[in-house]
C-alpha atoms as a PDB file:
ATOM      1  CA  UNK A   1     148.849 131.951 173.891  1.00  0.00           C
ATOM      2  CA  UNK A   2     145.110 132.111 174.451  1.00  0.00           C
ATOM      3  CA  UNK A   3     143.144 135.248 173.586  1.00  0.00           C
ATOM      4  CA  UNK A   4     142.089 137.438 176.497  1.00  0.00           C
ATOM      5  CA  UNK A   5     138.739 137.938 174.816  1.00  0.00           C
ATOM      6  CA  UNK A   6     136.498 134.905 174.805  1.00  0.00           C
ATOM      7  CA  UNK A   7     134.248 134.517 171.821  1.00  0.00           C
ATOM      8  CA  UNK A   8     130.634 134.880 172.978  1.00  0.00           C
ATOM      9  CA  UNK A   9     128.452 131.813 172.683  1.00  0.00           C
ATOM     10  CA  UNK A  10     125.581 132.198 170.228  1.00  0.00           C
ATOM     11  CA  UNK A  11     122.117 132.155 171.784  1.00  0.00           C
ATOM     12  CA  UNK A  12     119.325 130.098 170.300  1.00  0.00           C
ATOM     13  CA  UNK A  13     116.063 131.746 169.280  1.00  0.00           C
ATOM     14  CA  UNK A  14     114.363 130.110 172.266  1.00  0.00           C
ATOM     15  CA  UNK A  15     117.007 131.535 174.598  1.00  0.00           C
ATOM     16  CA  UNK A  16     116.565 135.012 173.121  1.00  0.00           C
ATOM     17  CA  UNK A  17     112.774 134.812 173.511  1.00  0.00           C
ATOM     18  CA  UNK A  18     113.114 133.602 177.094  1.00  0.00           C
ATOM     19  CA  UNK A  19     115.537 136.433 177.870  1.00  0.00           C
ATOM     20  CA  UNK A  20     113.241 139.031 176.287  1.00  0.00           C
ATOM     21  CA  UNK A  21     110.254 137.847 178.356  1.00  0.00           C
ATOM     22  CA  UNK A  22     111.878 139.457 181.377  1.00  0.00           C
ATOM     23  CA  UNK A  23     112.364 142.807 179.644  1.00  0.00           C
ATOM     24  CA  UNK A  24     110.061 145.822 180.013  1.00  0.00           C
ATOM     25  CA  UNK A  25     107.451 146.057 177.240  1.00  0.00           C
ATOM     26  CA  UNK A  26     109.037 149.143 175.692  1.00  0.00           C
ATOM     27  CA  UNK A  27     112.361 147.335 175.243  1.00  0.00           C
ATOM     28  CA  UNK A  28     110.643 144.325 173.662  1.00  0.00           C
ATOM     29  CA  UNK A  29     108.795 146.678 171.303  1.00  0.00           C
ATOM     30  CA  UNK A  30     112.078 148.357 170.395  1.00  0.00           C
ATOM     31  CA  UNK A  31     113.656 144.972 169.631  1.00  0.00           C
ATOM     32  CA  UNK A  32     110.709 144.002 167.439  1.00  0.00           C
ATOM     33  CA  UNK A  33     110.928 147.355 165.624  1.00  0.00           C
ATOM     34  CA  UNK A  34     114.643 146.844 164.940  1.00  0.00           C
ATOM     35  CA  UNK A  35     114.131 143.292 163.679  1.00  0.00           C
ATOM     36  CA  UNK A  36     111.174 144.295 161.520  1.00  0.00           C
ATOM     37  CA  UNK A  37     113.093 147.199 160.026  1.00  0.00           C
ATOM     38  CA  UNK A  38     116.054 144.975 159.200  1.00  0.00           C
ATOM     39  CA  UNK A  39     113.725 142.506 157.464  1.00  0.00           C
ATOM     40  CA  UNK A  40     112.106 145.239 155.410  1.00  0.00           C
ATOM     41  CA  UNK A  41     115.488 146.550 154.323  1.00  0.00           C
ATOM     42  CA  UNK A  42     116.209 143.157 152.716  1.00  0.00           C
ATOM     43  CA  UNK A  43     113.124 143.179 150.506  1.00  0.00           C
ATOM     44  CA  UNK A  44     113.893 143.353 146.813  1.00  0.00           C
ATOM     45  CA  UNK A  45     112.772 146.602 145.154  1.00  0.00           C
ATOM     46  CA  UNK A  46     110.394 144.743 142.808  1.00  0.00           C
ATOM     47  CA  UNK A  47     108.651 143.092 145.760  1.00  0.00           C
ATOM     48  CA  UNK A  48     108.443 146.392 147.622  1.00  0.00           C
ATOM     49  CA  UNK A  49     106.868 148.061 144.584  1.00  0.00           C
ATOM     50  CA  UNK A  50     104.387 145.211 144.136  1.00  0.00           C
ATOM     51  CA  UNK A  51     103.274 145.577 147.779  1.00  0.00           C
ATOM     52  CA  UNK A  52     103.013 149.351 147.366  1.00  0.00           C
ATOM     53  CA  UNK A  53     100.735 148.919 144.334  1.00  0.00           C
ATOM     54  CA  UNK A  54      98.678 146.245 146.112  1.00  0.00           C
ATOM     55  CA  UNK A  55      98.150 148.439 149.166  1.00  0.00           C
ATOM     56  CA  UNK A  56      97.094 151.374 146.977  1.00  0.00           C
ATOM     57  CA  UNK A  57      94.641 149.105 145.137  1.00  0.00           C
ATOM     58  CA  UNK A  58      93.142 147.886 148.409  1.00  0.00           C
ATOM     59  CA  UNK A  59      92.794 151.398 149.836  1.00  0.00           C
ATOM     60  CA  UNK A  60      91.097 152.521 146.604  1.00  0.00           C
ATOM     61  CA  UNK A  61      88.628 149.602 146.855  1.00  0.00           C
ATOM     62  CA  UNK A  62      87.746 150.576 150.422  1.00  0.00           C
ATOM     63  CA  UNK A  63      87.454 154.281 149.640  1.00  0.00           C
ATOM     64  CA  UNK A  64      85.225 153.618 146.626  1.00  0.00           C
ATOM     65  CA  UNK A  65      82.911 151.360 148.643  1.00  0.00           C
ATOM     66  CA  UNK A  66      83.712 148.399 146.409  1.00  0.00           C
ATOM     67  CA  UNK A  67      84.722 146.409 149.497  1.00  0.00           C
ATOM     68  CA  UNK A  68      83.967 146.813 153.195  1.00  0.00           C
ATOM     69  CA  UNK A  69      86.760 146.650 155.743  1.00  0.00           C
ATOM     70  CA  UNK A  70      86.374 144.171 158.589  1.00  0.00           C
ATOM     71  CA  UNK A  71      87.460 145.370 162.061  1.00  0.00           C
ATOM     72  CA  UNK A  72      90.539 143.563 163.376  1.00  0.00           C
ATOM     73  CA  UNK A  73      88.803 142.320 166.506  1.00  0.00           C
ATOM     74  CA  UNK A  74      86.139 140.636 164.371  1.00  0.00           C
ATOM     75  CA  UNK A  75      88.809 138.917 162.307  1.00  0.00           C
ATOM     76  CA  UNK A  76      90.610 137.777 165.464  1.00  0.00           C
ATOM     77  CA  UNK A  77      87.357 136.438 166.933  1.00  0.00           C
ATOM     78  CA  UNK A  78      86.648 134.486 163.734  1.00  0.00           C
ATOM     79  CA  UNK A  79      90.179 133.028 163.670  1.00  0.00           C
ATOM     80  CA  UNK A  80      89.770 131.898 167.296  1.00  0.00           C
ATOM     81  CA  UNK A  81      86.456 130.238 166.405  1.00  0.00           C
ATOM     82  CA  UNK A  82      88.022 128.403 163.484  1.00  0.00           C
ATOM     83  CA  UNK A  83      91.012 127.356 165.592  1.00  0.00           C
ATOM     84  CA  UNK A  84      88.697 126.204 168.366  1.00  0.00           C
ATOM     85  CA  UNK A  85      90.021 128.566 171.022  1.00  0.00           C
END
């Protein structure tokens, strides 16, 4: 006797991306948030603590004037120049 419930076929990453392209922006953002959160929950505590210390160190360098922050749009422009776009 065959099961009444068919096992769903797994989608490929490309199929998921293609499907999500037709979604409203807020739903895509929600999906990204969920995926990002699930990735962060898998980080080992030692790695999480190392990143926490690194971010504190970087903020302290900026606040003390030891380093100067570069605006994101300037970084993006430079990356596009390097990539030839």
